[in-house]
Structures are given as C-alpha cells and as structure tokens.
C-alpha cells in the first residue's frame, strides 16, 4: 500500500475509537479491544462490553499494551475494517 492510498484511507470519515493493543502476531495486523460501558435499561446497572477488532497496522512503533486510536475505513481484507491512526500517550 503506497502513501497516497494510506492518506485517502486516513482522511476518510468513519468511527474513531480508542482501543488497547492485545496482539501483534501477524505482520501489518494488530488485534485490539475496545471497551464501552452500557447501562441496563431496567436495572440501571453499568456493565462493560468488550469488542475485539482486527486492525491494519502500518506503524512499527506499536507494541502490545499500547493505547491507540483507530478509524473505520473501507474493507482492507475479509476481517479488517479499521486502521490505526495514532498512538495515545
């Protein structure tokens, strides 16, 4: 993927989420988890929901345990629909 294609993907619209890197086993792919809180409509108890995503990783500085921002993009492969846009300090 060249730089023009990356800027087109990064400049697009889509959901921007904060996630934590869980795995970096495959090249250019990272597994991240996004944790959201949800309140039960009747009992009002707050619960956490965890969703795992496969993310396209062009950055070489990402390690397991880092917090990153991901953005939704056009499908890159069968299961990759997000890219990493930056590292959160």
C-alpha atoms as a PDB file:
ATOM      1  CA  UNK A   1       0.000   0.000   0.000  1.00  0.00           C
ATOM      2  CA  UNK A   2       1.555   3.311  -1.041  1.00  0.00           C
ATOM      3  CA  UNK A   3       1.398   6.628   0.773  1.00  0.00           C
ATOM      4  CA  UNK A   4      -1.420   8.058  -1.396  1.00  0.00           C
ATOM      5  CA  UNK A   5      -3.700   5.138  -0.583  1.00  0.00           C
ATOM      6  CA  UNK A   6      -2.924   5.486   3.130  1.00  0.00           C
ATOM      7  CA  UNK A   7      -3.762   9.199   3.155  1.00  0.00           C
ATOM      8  CA  UNK A   8      -7.038   8.510   1.348  1.00  0.00           C
ATOM      9  CA  UNK A   9      -7.965   5.910   3.969  1.00  0.00           C
ATOM     10  CA  UNK A  10      -6.861   8.079   6.898  1.00  0.00           C
ATOM     11  CA  UNK A  11      -8.602  11.189   5.599  1.00  0.00           C
ATOM     12  CA  UNK A  12     -11.968   9.488   5.268  1.00  0.00           C
ATOM     13  CA  UNK A  13     -14.949   9.626   7.542  1.00  0.00           C
ATOM     14  CA  UNK A  14     -15.857   6.895   9.966  1.00  0.00           C
ATOM     15  CA  UNK A  15     -15.968   5.965  13.615  1.00  0.00           C
ATOM     16  CA  UNK A  16     -12.913   6.895  15.668  1.00  0.00           C
ATOM     17  CA  UNK A  17     -12.418   4.672  18.700  1.00  0.00           C
ATOM     18  CA  UNK A  18      -9.859   4.329  21.475  1.00  0.00           C
ATOM     19  CA  UNK A  19      -8.517   0.806  21.835  1.00  0.00           C
ATOM     20  CA  UNK A  20      -5.808  -1.231  23.526  1.00  0.00           C
ATOM     21  CA  UNK A  21      -3.449  -3.452  21.526  1.00  0.00           C
ATOM     22  CA  UNK A  22      -3.755  -7.101  22.538  1.00  0.00           C
ATOM     23  CA  UNK A  23      -1.767  -8.998  19.902  1.00  0.00           C
ATOM     24  CA  UNK A  24       0.740  -8.363  17.088  1.00  0.00           C
ATOM     25  CA  UNK A  25       1.233 -11.909  15.792  1.00  0.00           C
ATOM     26  CA  UNK A  26       0.730 -11.251  12.083  1.00  0.00           C
ATOM     27  CA  UNK A  27       2.612  -8.638  10.022  1.00  0.00           C
ATOM     28  CA  UNK A  28       0.699  -5.374   9.400  1.00  0.00           C
ATOM     29  CA  UNK A  29      -2.240  -6.578  11.506  1.00  0.00           C
ATOM     30  CA  UNK A  30      -2.976  -5.900  15.159  1.00  0.00           C
ATOM     31  CA  UNK A  31      -5.738  -7.204  17.391  1.00  0.00           C
ATOM     32  CA  UNK A  32      -7.227  -4.503  19.602  1.00  0.00           C
ATOM     33  CA  UNK A  33     -10.003  -4.403  22.184  1.00  0.00           C
ATOM     34  CA  UNK A  34     -12.488  -1.576  22.627  1.00  0.00           C
ATOM     35  CA  UNK A  35     -14.220  -1.338  25.998  1.00  0.00           C
ATOM     36  CA  UNK A  36     -17.513   0.537  26.233  1.00  0.00           C
ATOM     37  CA  UNK A  37     -19.845   0.934  29.177  1.00  0.00           C
ATOM     38  CA  UNK A  38     -23.529   0.211  28.883  1.00  0.00           C
ATOM     39  CA  UNK A  39     -26.328   0.838  31.358  1.00  0.00           C
ATOM     40  CA  UNK A  40     -29.111  -1.725  31.678  1.00  0.00           C
ATOM     41  CA  UNK A  41     -32.437  -0.109  30.703  1.00  0.00           C
ATOM     42  CA  UNK A  42     -34.430  -1.528  33.639  1.00  0.00           C
ATOM     43  CA  UNK A  43     -31.949  -2.250  36.424  1.00  0.00           C
ATOM     44  CA  UNK A  44     -29.663   0.729  35.685  1.00  0.00           C
ATOM     45  CA  UNK A  45     -26.549  -1.307  36.440  1.00  0.00           C
ATOM     46  CA  UNK A  46     -23.477  -0.287  34.452  1.00  0.00           C
ATOM     47  CA  UNK A  47     -21.743  -3.102  32.597  1.00  0.00           C
ATOM     48  CA  UNK A  48     -18.679  -3.209  30.374  1.00  0.00           C
ATOM     49  CA  UNK A  49     -18.758  -4.540  26.836  1.00  0.00           C
ATOM     50  CA  UNK A  50     -15.554  -5.623  25.137  1.00  0.00           C
ATOM     51  CA  UNK A  51     -15.225  -5.876  21.358  1.00  0.00           C
ATOM     52  CA  UNK A  52     -12.150  -7.169  19.526  1.00  0.00           C
ATOM     53  CA  UNK A  53     -11.177  -5.825  16.120  1.00  0.00           C
ATOM     54  CA  UNK A  54      -8.525  -6.730  13.569  1.00  0.00           C
ATOM     55  CA  UNK A  55      -6.789  -3.505  12.602  1.00  0.00           C
ATOM     56  CA  UNK A  56      -4.399  -2.595   9.774  1.00  0.00           C
ATOM     57  CA  UNK A  57      -1.057  -1.599  11.331  1.00  0.00           C
ATOM     58  CA  UNK A  58       1.413   0.416   9.217  1.00  0.00           C
ATOM     59  CA  UNK A  59       3.223   1.816  12.270  1.00  0.00           C
ATOM     60  CA  UNK A  60       6.251  -0.105  13.510  1.00  0.00           C
ATOM     61  CA  UNK A  61       6.278   1.603  16.907  1.00  0.00           C
ATOM     62  CA  UNK A  62       3.136  -0.093  18.247  1.00  0.00           C
ATOM     63  CA  UNK A  63       3.652  -2.721  20.965  1.00  0.00           C
ATOM     64  CA  UNK A  64       1.292  -4.915  22.979  1.00  0.00           C
ATOM     65  CA  UNK A  65      -0.408  -2.927  25.727  1.00  0.00           C
ATOM     66  CA  UNK A  66      -0.347   0.447  23.928  1.00  0.00           C
ATOM     67  CA  UNK A  67      -3.455   2.617  23.726  1.00  0.00           C
ATOM     68  CA  UNK A  68      -4.216   3.626  20.146  1.00  0.00           C
ATOM     69  CA  UNK A  69      -6.847   5.460  18.134  1.00  0.00           C
ATOM     70  CA  UNK A  70      -8.473   3.502  15.319  1.00  0.00           C
ATOM     71  CA  UNK A  71     -10.684   4.690  12.484  1.00  0.00           C
ATOM     72  CA  UNK A  72     -13.253   2.808  10.458  1.00  0.00           C
ATOM     73  CA  UNK A  73     -12.376   2.582   6.760  1.00  0.00           C
ATOM     74  CA  UNK A  74     -13.272   0.674   3.636  1.00  0.00           C
ATOM     75  CA  UNK A  75     -12.613  -3.068   3.925  1.00  0.00           C
ATOM     76  CA  UNK A  76      -8.913  -3.884   3.616  1.00  0.00           C
ATOM     77  CA  UNK A  77      -9.461  -7.644   3.820  1.00  0.00           C
ATOM     78  CA  UNK A  78     -12.194 -10.045   4.872  1.00  0.00           C
ATOM     79  CA  UNK A  79     -11.980  -9.091   8.532  1.00  0.00           C
ATOM     80  CA  UNK A  80     -10.019  -5.787   8.631  1.00  0.00           C
ATOM     81  CA  UNK A  81     -12.195  -2.671   8.515  1.00  0.00           C
ATOM     82  CA  UNK A  82     -10.182  -0.350  10.785  1.00  0.00           C
ATOM     83  CA  UNK A  83      -6.750   1.290  10.629  1.00  0.00           C
ATOM     84  CA  UNK A  84      -4.530   2.660  13.383  1.00  0.00           C
ATOM     85  CA  UNK A  85      -4.304   6.440  13.107  1.00  0.00           C
ATOM     86  CA  UNK A  86      -2.182   7.215  16.147  1.00  0.00           C
ATOM     87  CA  UNK A  87      -0.796   6.264  19.498  1.00  0.00           C
ATOM     88  CA  UNK A  88      -2.302   7.768  22.663  1.00  0.00           C
ATOM     89  CA  UNK A  89       0.232   8.832  25.255  1.00  0.00           C
END
